[in-house]
N, C-alpha and C. Protein backbone atom coordinates (compact mmCIF):
# COMPACT_ATOMS: atom_id res chain seq x y z
N UNK A 1 0.82 -1.20 -0.02
CA UNK A 1 -0.03 0.00 0.00
C UNK A 1 0.86 1.25 0.00
N UNK A 2 2.06 1.18 0.47
CA UNK A 2 2.85 2.40 0.52
C UNK A 2 3.20 2.96 -0.86
N UNK A 3 3.16 2.11 -1.90
CA UNK A 3 3.50 2.63 -3.26
C UNK A 3 2.34 3.34 -3.88
N UNK A 4 1.15 3.09 -3.44
CA UNK A 4 -0.04 3.74 -4.04
C UNK A 4 0.00 5.22 -3.92
N UNK A 5 0.62 5.78 -2.89
CA UNK A 5 0.59 7.23 -2.71
C UNK A 5 1.47 7.94 -3.73
N UNK A 6 2.34 7.23 -4.46
CA UNK A 6 3.16 7.82 -5.46
C UNK A 6 2.57 7.84 -6.81
N UNK A 7 1.30 7.45 -6.96
CA UNK A 7 0.63 7.58 -8.21
C UNK A 7 0.88 6.44 -9.19
N UNK A 8 1.29 5.29 -8.74
CA UNK A 8 1.58 4.20 -9.67
C UNK A 8 0.37 3.58 -10.27
N UNK A 9 -0.78 3.79 -9.58
CA UNK A 9 -2.05 3.18 -10.06
C UNK A 9 -2.89 4.17 -10.79
N UNK A 10 -2.41 5.40 -11.02
CA UNK A 10 -3.19 6.42 -11.68
C UNK A 10 -3.30 6.10 -13.15
N UNK A 11 -4.46 6.37 -13.69
CA UNK A 11 -4.67 6.20 -15.17
C UNK A 11 -4.41 7.50 -15.85
N UNK A 12 -3.79 7.47 -17.01
CA UNK A 12 -3.55 8.67 -17.82
C UNK A 12 -4.75 8.98 -18.64
N UNK A 13 -5.32 10.15 -18.46
CA UNK A 13 -6.42 10.56 -19.31
C UNK A 13 -5.91 11.05 -20.65
N UNK A 14 -6.48 10.58 -21.73
CA UNK A 14 -6.07 11.02 -23.01
C UNK A 14 -4.68 10.45 -23.43
N UNK A 15 -4.43 9.20 -23.16
CA UNK A 15 -3.08 8.65 -23.43
C UNK A 15 -2.71 8.73 -24.85
N UNK A 16 -3.70 8.54 -25.75
CA UNK A 16 -3.40 8.64 -27.16
C UNK A 16 -2.97 10.03 -27.58
N UNK A 17 -3.63 11.03 -27.02
CA UNK A 17 -3.23 12.43 -27.36
C UNK A 17 -1.85 12.74 -26.82
N UNK A 18 -1.51 12.13 -25.67
CA UNK A 18 -0.24 12.34 -25.03
C UNK A 18 0.87 11.77 -25.98
N UNK A 19 0.65 10.56 -26.49
CA UNK A 19 1.55 9.91 -27.43
C UNK A 19 1.68 10.74 -28.71
N UNK A 20 0.59 11.28 -29.20
CA UNK A 20 0.69 12.13 -30.41
C UNK A 20 1.49 13.33 -30.21
N UNK A 21 1.29 13.97 -29.06
CA UNK A 21 2.06 15.17 -28.79
C UNK A 21 3.57 14.86 -28.60
N UNK A 22 3.85 13.73 -27.93
CA UNK A 22 5.30 13.36 -27.77
C UNK A 22 5.89 13.01 -29.16
N UNK A 23 5.13 12.41 -30.08
CA UNK A 23 5.63 12.18 -31.40
C UNK A 23 5.91 13.44 -32.15
N UNK A 24 4.99 14.43 -32.01
CA UNK A 24 5.22 15.74 -32.67
C UNK A 24 6.45 16.40 -32.15
N UNK A 25 6.64 16.36 -30.87
CA UNK A 25 7.82 17.03 -30.28
C UNK A 25 9.15 16.35 -30.74
N UNK A 26 9.10 15.09 -30.94
CA UNK A 26 10.36 14.38 -31.30
C UNK A 26 10.44 14.07 -32.77
N UNK A 27 9.75 14.82 -33.59
CA UNK A 27 9.68 14.56 -35.07
C UNK A 27 11.12 14.57 -35.68
N UNK A 28 11.96 15.53 -35.32
CA UNK A 28 13.25 15.61 -35.89
C UNK A 28 14.25 14.57 -35.35
N UNK A 29 13.84 13.81 -34.37
CA UNK A 29 14.70 12.73 -33.80
C UNK A 29 14.43 11.38 -34.45
N UNK A 30 13.57 11.38 -35.46
CA UNK A 30 13.21 10.10 -36.14
C UNK A 30 14.43 9.44 -36.77
N UNK A 31 15.26 10.19 -37.50
CA UNK A 31 16.37 9.57 -38.22
C UNK A 31 17.43 9.06 -37.24
N UNK A 32 17.80 9.75 -36.17
CA UNK A 32 18.70 9.14 -35.24
C UNK A 32 18.13 7.91 -34.57
N UNK A 33 16.84 7.92 -34.28
CA UNK A 33 16.16 6.75 -33.66
C UNK A 33 16.18 5.60 -34.65
N UNK A 34 15.92 5.84 -35.92
CA UNK A 34 15.97 4.74 -36.88
C UNK A 34 17.36 4.18 -37.02
N UNK A 35 18.36 5.08 -36.94
CA UNK A 35 19.71 4.65 -36.98
C UNK A 35 20.06 3.74 -35.79
N UNK A 36 19.51 4.05 -34.63
CA UNK A 36 19.70 3.23 -33.46
C UNK A 36 19.02 1.86 -33.61
N UNK A 37 17.84 1.81 -34.26
CA UNK A 37 17.18 0.55 -34.54
C UNK A 37 17.96 -0.23 -35.52
N UNK A 38 18.49 0.43 -36.52
CA UNK A 38 19.27 -0.33 -37.57
C UNK A 38 20.53 -0.93 -36.99
N UNK A 39 21.23 -0.16 -36.04
CA UNK A 39 22.34 -0.73 -35.37
C UNK A 39 22.03 -1.87 -34.51
N UNK A 40 20.88 -1.82 -33.84
CA UNK A 40 20.43 -2.94 -32.98
C UNK A 40 20.15 -4.17 -33.88
N UNK A 41 19.54 -3.93 -35.00
CA UNK A 41 19.27 -5.07 -35.92
C UNK A 41 20.55 -5.66 -36.47
N UNK A 42 21.52 -4.86 -36.80
CA UNK A 42 22.82 -5.34 -37.25
C UNK A 42 23.52 -6.13 -36.18
N UNK A 43 23.48 -5.67 -34.95
CA UNK A 43 24.12 -6.37 -33.85
C UNK A 43 23.42 -7.73 -33.60
N UNK A 44 22.14 -7.73 -33.68
CA UNK A 44 21.42 -9.00 -33.51
C UNK A 44 21.66 -9.99 -34.65
N UNK A 45 21.68 -9.47 -35.86
CA UNK A 45 21.99 -10.32 -37.01
C UNK A 45 23.39 -10.90 -36.94
N UNK A 46 24.42 -10.13 -36.49
CA UNK A 46 25.74 -10.65 -36.36
C UNK A 46 25.87 -11.67 -35.30
N UNK A 47 25.09 -11.49 -34.26
CA UNK A 47 25.10 -12.44 -33.12
C UNK A 47 24.41 -13.80 -33.60
N UNK A 48 23.38 -13.68 -34.37
CA UNK A 48 22.67 -14.90 -34.76
C UNK A 48 23.40 -15.62 -35.91
N UNK A 49 24.29 -14.94 -36.58
CA UNK A 49 25.07 -15.64 -37.67
C UNK A 49 26.23 -16.42 -37.07
N UNK A 50 26.62 -16.09 -35.92
CA UNK A 50 27.80 -16.80 -35.30
C UNK A 50 27.67 -18.33 -35.27
N UNK A 51 26.59 -18.87 -34.75
CA UNK A 51 26.43 -20.39 -34.78
C UNK A 51 26.41 -20.96 -36.18
N UNK A 52 25.89 -20.21 -37.14
CA UNK A 52 25.95 -20.75 -38.50
C UNK A 52 27.39 -20.87 -39.02
N UNK A 53 28.22 -19.91 -38.67
CA UNK A 53 29.61 -19.91 -39.09
C UNK A 53 30.28 -21.09 -38.45
N UNK A 54 30.02 -21.30 -37.16
CA UNK A 54 30.64 -22.41 -36.44
C UNK A 54 30.21 -23.74 -37.04
N UNK A 55 28.96 -23.85 -37.37
CA UNK A 55 28.45 -25.07 -38.00
C UNK A 55 29.13 -25.32 -39.34
N UNK A 56 29.32 -24.26 -40.12
CA UNK A 56 30.01 -24.40 -41.37
C UNK A 56 31.45 -24.85 -41.16
N UNK A 57 32.13 -24.26 -40.09
CA UNK A 57 33.50 -24.68 -39.85
C UNK A 57 33.57 -26.10 -39.44
N UNK A 58 32.61 -26.61 -38.67
CA UNK A 58 32.64 -27.98 -38.21
C UNK A 58 32.31 -28.92 -39.42
N UNK A 59 31.26 -28.61 -40.15
CA UNK A 59 30.85 -29.49 -41.22
C UNK A 59 31.83 -29.49 -42.38
N UNK A 60 32.27 -28.34 -42.83
CA UNK A 60 33.13 -28.29 -43.98
C UNK A 60 34.63 -28.41 -43.63
N UNK A 61 34.96 -28.09 -42.40
CA UNK A 61 36.38 -28.15 -42.06
C UNK A 61 36.80 -29.34 -41.24
N UNK A 62 36.24 -29.53 -40.13
CA UNK A 62 36.67 -30.58 -39.22
C UNK A 62 36.21 -31.98 -39.76
N UNK A 63 34.98 -32.09 -40.15
CA UNK A 63 34.49 -33.42 -40.63
C UNK A 63 35.18 -33.78 -42.00
N UNK A 64 35.26 -32.77 -42.85
CA UNK A 64 35.87 -33.03 -44.19
C UNK A 64 37.41 -33.00 -44.11
N UNK A 65 37.97 -32.49 -43.01
CA UNK A 65 39.48 -32.48 -42.95
C UNK A 65 40.07 -31.29 -43.62
N UNK A 66 39.31 -30.22 -43.93
CA UNK A 66 39.87 -29.08 -44.61
C UNK A 66 40.23 -27.97 -43.59
N UNK A 67 41.53 -27.76 -43.39
CA UNK A 67 41.94 -26.76 -42.39
C UNK A 67 41.69 -25.33 -42.88
N UNK A 68 41.68 -25.06 -44.13
CA UNK A 68 41.44 -23.72 -44.64
C UNK A 68 39.96 -23.34 -44.33
N UNK A 69 39.06 -24.27 -44.34
CA UNK A 69 37.63 -24.02 -44.08
C UNK A 69 37.47 -23.62 -42.59
N UNK A 70 38.25 -24.35 -41.72
CA UNK A 70 38.17 -24.00 -40.33
C UNK A 70 38.79 -22.65 -40.06
N UNK A 71 39.84 -22.32 -40.77
CA UNK A 71 40.48 -20.99 -40.57
C UNK A 71 39.57 -19.87 -41.07
N UNK A 72 38.92 -20.09 -42.24
CA UNK A 72 37.99 -19.09 -42.71
C UNK A 72 36.81 -18.86 -41.83
N UNK A 73 36.30 -20.00 -41.27
CA UNK A 73 35.22 -19.89 -40.34
C UNK A 73 35.58 -19.14 -39.09
N UNK A 74 36.83 -19.41 -38.60
CA UNK A 74 37.30 -18.72 -37.40
C UNK A 74 37.39 -17.22 -37.67
N UNK A 75 37.98 -16.86 -38.83
CA UNK A 75 38.12 -15.44 -39.14
C UNK A 75 36.76 -14.82 -39.36
N UNK A 76 35.82 -15.49 -39.94
CA UNK A 76 34.46 -14.96 -40.11
C UNK A 76 33.77 -14.75 -38.77
N UNK A 77 34.00 -15.72 -37.88
CA UNK A 77 33.38 -15.61 -36.52
C UNK A 77 33.98 -14.39 -35.77
N UNK A 78 35.27 -14.17 -35.88
CA UNK A 78 35.90 -13.04 -35.21
C UNK A 78 35.35 -11.72 -35.83
N UNK A 79 35.23 -11.70 -37.17
CA UNK A 79 34.67 -10.56 -37.82
C UNK A 79 33.24 -10.27 -37.38
N UNK A 80 32.45 -11.31 -37.27
CA UNK A 80 31.07 -11.14 -36.76
C UNK A 80 31.04 -10.63 -35.33
N UNK A 81 32.01 -11.09 -34.54
CA UNK A 81 32.11 -10.61 -33.13
C UNK A 81 32.39 -9.16 -33.09
N UNK A 82 33.32 -8.72 -33.92
CA UNK A 82 33.68 -7.29 -33.94
C UNK A 82 32.53 -6.48 -34.41
N UNK A 83 31.81 -6.93 -35.46
CA UNK A 83 30.62 -6.20 -35.97
C UNK A 83 29.58 -6.15 -34.90
N UNK A 84 29.35 -7.28 -34.23
CA UNK A 84 28.34 -7.27 -33.16
C UNK A 84 28.62 -6.29 -32.06
N UNK A 85 29.86 -6.25 -31.64
CA UNK A 85 30.28 -5.41 -30.56
C UNK A 85 30.15 -3.94 -30.98
N UNK A 86 30.65 -3.61 -32.14
CA UNK A 86 30.56 -2.22 -32.64
C UNK A 86 29.12 -1.75 -32.80
N UNK A 87 28.30 -2.57 -33.38
CA UNK A 87 26.92 -2.19 -33.65
C UNK A 87 26.13 -2.08 -32.30
N UNK A 88 26.37 -2.97 -31.37
CA UNK A 88 25.71 -2.84 -30.06
C UNK A 88 26.11 -1.59 -29.34
N UNK A 89 27.45 -1.22 -29.35
CA UNK A 89 27.86 0.01 -28.79
C UNK A 89 27.26 1.20 -29.43
N UNK A 90 27.20 1.22 -30.76
CA UNK A 90 26.62 2.32 -31.48
C UNK A 90 25.13 2.43 -31.18
N UNK A 91 24.42 1.33 -31.09
CA UNK A 91 23.00 1.37 -30.74
C UNK A 91 22.78 1.96 -29.35
N UNK A 92 23.59 1.56 -28.42
CA UNK A 92 23.47 2.06 -27.01
C UNK A 92 23.72 3.54 -27.03
N UNK A 93 24.81 4.02 -27.70
CA UNK A 93 25.09 5.39 -27.75
C UNK A 93 23.96 6.18 -28.43
N UNK A 94 23.42 5.70 -29.53
CA UNK A 94 22.40 6.40 -30.24
C UNK A 94 21.10 6.48 -29.46
N UNK A 95 20.71 5.42 -28.81
CA UNK A 95 19.49 5.42 -28.01
C UNK A 95 19.63 6.43 -26.87
N UNK A 96 20.78 6.41 -26.19
CA UNK A 96 21.01 7.34 -25.11
C UNK A 96 21.01 8.74 -25.61
N UNK A 97 21.61 9.04 -26.73
CA UNK A 97 21.69 10.37 -27.29
C UNK A 97 20.28 10.91 -27.65
N UNK A 98 19.49 10.01 -28.27
CA UNK A 98 18.16 10.47 -28.67
C UNK A 98 17.31 10.72 -27.44
N UNK A 99 17.41 9.88 -26.41
CA UNK A 99 16.66 10.07 -25.21
C UNK A 99 17.04 11.38 -24.47
N UNK A 100 18.30 11.60 -24.35
CA UNK A 100 18.78 12.82 -23.68
C UNK A 100 18.40 14.06 -24.47
N UNK A 101 18.42 14.03 -25.82
CA UNK A 101 18.03 15.18 -26.63
C UNK A 101 16.55 15.45 -26.45
N UNK A 102 15.76 14.39 -26.40
CA UNK A 102 14.33 14.53 -26.21
C UNK A 102 14.01 15.12 -24.83
N UNK A 103 14.70 14.66 -23.80
CA UNK A 103 14.44 15.17 -22.45
C UNK A 103 14.89 16.58 -22.34
N UNK A 104 16.02 16.93 -23.00
CA UNK A 104 16.44 18.35 -22.95
C UNK A 104 15.45 19.24 -23.65
N UNK A 105 14.87 18.81 -24.67
CA UNK A 105 13.85 19.61 -25.37
C UNK A 105 12.61 19.80 -24.50
N UNK A 106 12.30 18.74 -23.74
CA UNK A 106 11.07 18.86 -22.89
C UNK A 106 11.34 19.85 -21.77
N UNK A 107 12.53 19.94 -21.33
CA UNK A 107 12.83 20.77 -20.16
C UNK A 107 12.98 22.26 -20.51
N UNK A 108 13.44 22.51 -21.74
CA UNK A 108 13.74 23.89 -22.12
C UNK A 108 12.48 24.57 -22.66
């Protein structure tokens, strides 16, 4: 019961109009926000491709006895790891930047 006094159970009147107004205020932040989404998608894609590269290395390299296939798969995995790390960092930076710019606009 002690949390109820802070308004956690209050309903927002006109929630749709509030969302529309917030969207209007942040109209010029759409491109940076889409960039953040694109970076998050790239990071997720790179992370999901990792097991496929490992499977390729095992199937084409270890089972077939081809060391170059194993080396190529290892290099591709390292490349995917670097892409995933960079894209995740960029996404975090972009989301934080967009959020801070929006909040600064609301305060000024």
